[in-house]
């Protein structure tokens, strides 16, 4: 029986990929530019943030640990995570061809997963840096923490 589920966003939460990010005039992510910058060479220049250590700690204590990212995951992304020792129980990512806003995408994906019997009664907490994602996930009953608010605890 799964009691606790810990969910981590990647970019801006456990991974610093800011060197690859471009934004639109309204401040949102420029998804086409992001995809263009998702080369193996640039992915391997990403840096692990201190909160990533919580993945190992929470797995050790028995949590079911997920990464839920709006990235289209490539082989290089998985290789980067493995090289850094970030090996969650499950990774949920953006399907190819999907351009939904991040919050909407993550809420839909997690809601679908958490409808499975083994996850329904578990306590769920997510760490995500995006206000729109935090808002969307709170609407479906997931507690969400802004990693910026607790970053000094894990530095």
Foldseek 3Di string as FASTA:
>chain_A
DAAAEEEEEEDPTFKPLVVQFDADPVGHTPVVSSVVSPDLVSLLVIDTALCLVVQVVCVVVPHQYEYEYADPDDPSNVVSCVVVVRDGNYYHYHDPPDDDPRLVVRLVVVVVVCVDPVNVNHQAEYEDQDPSNCVSNVVVPYHYDDCVVCRVVRD
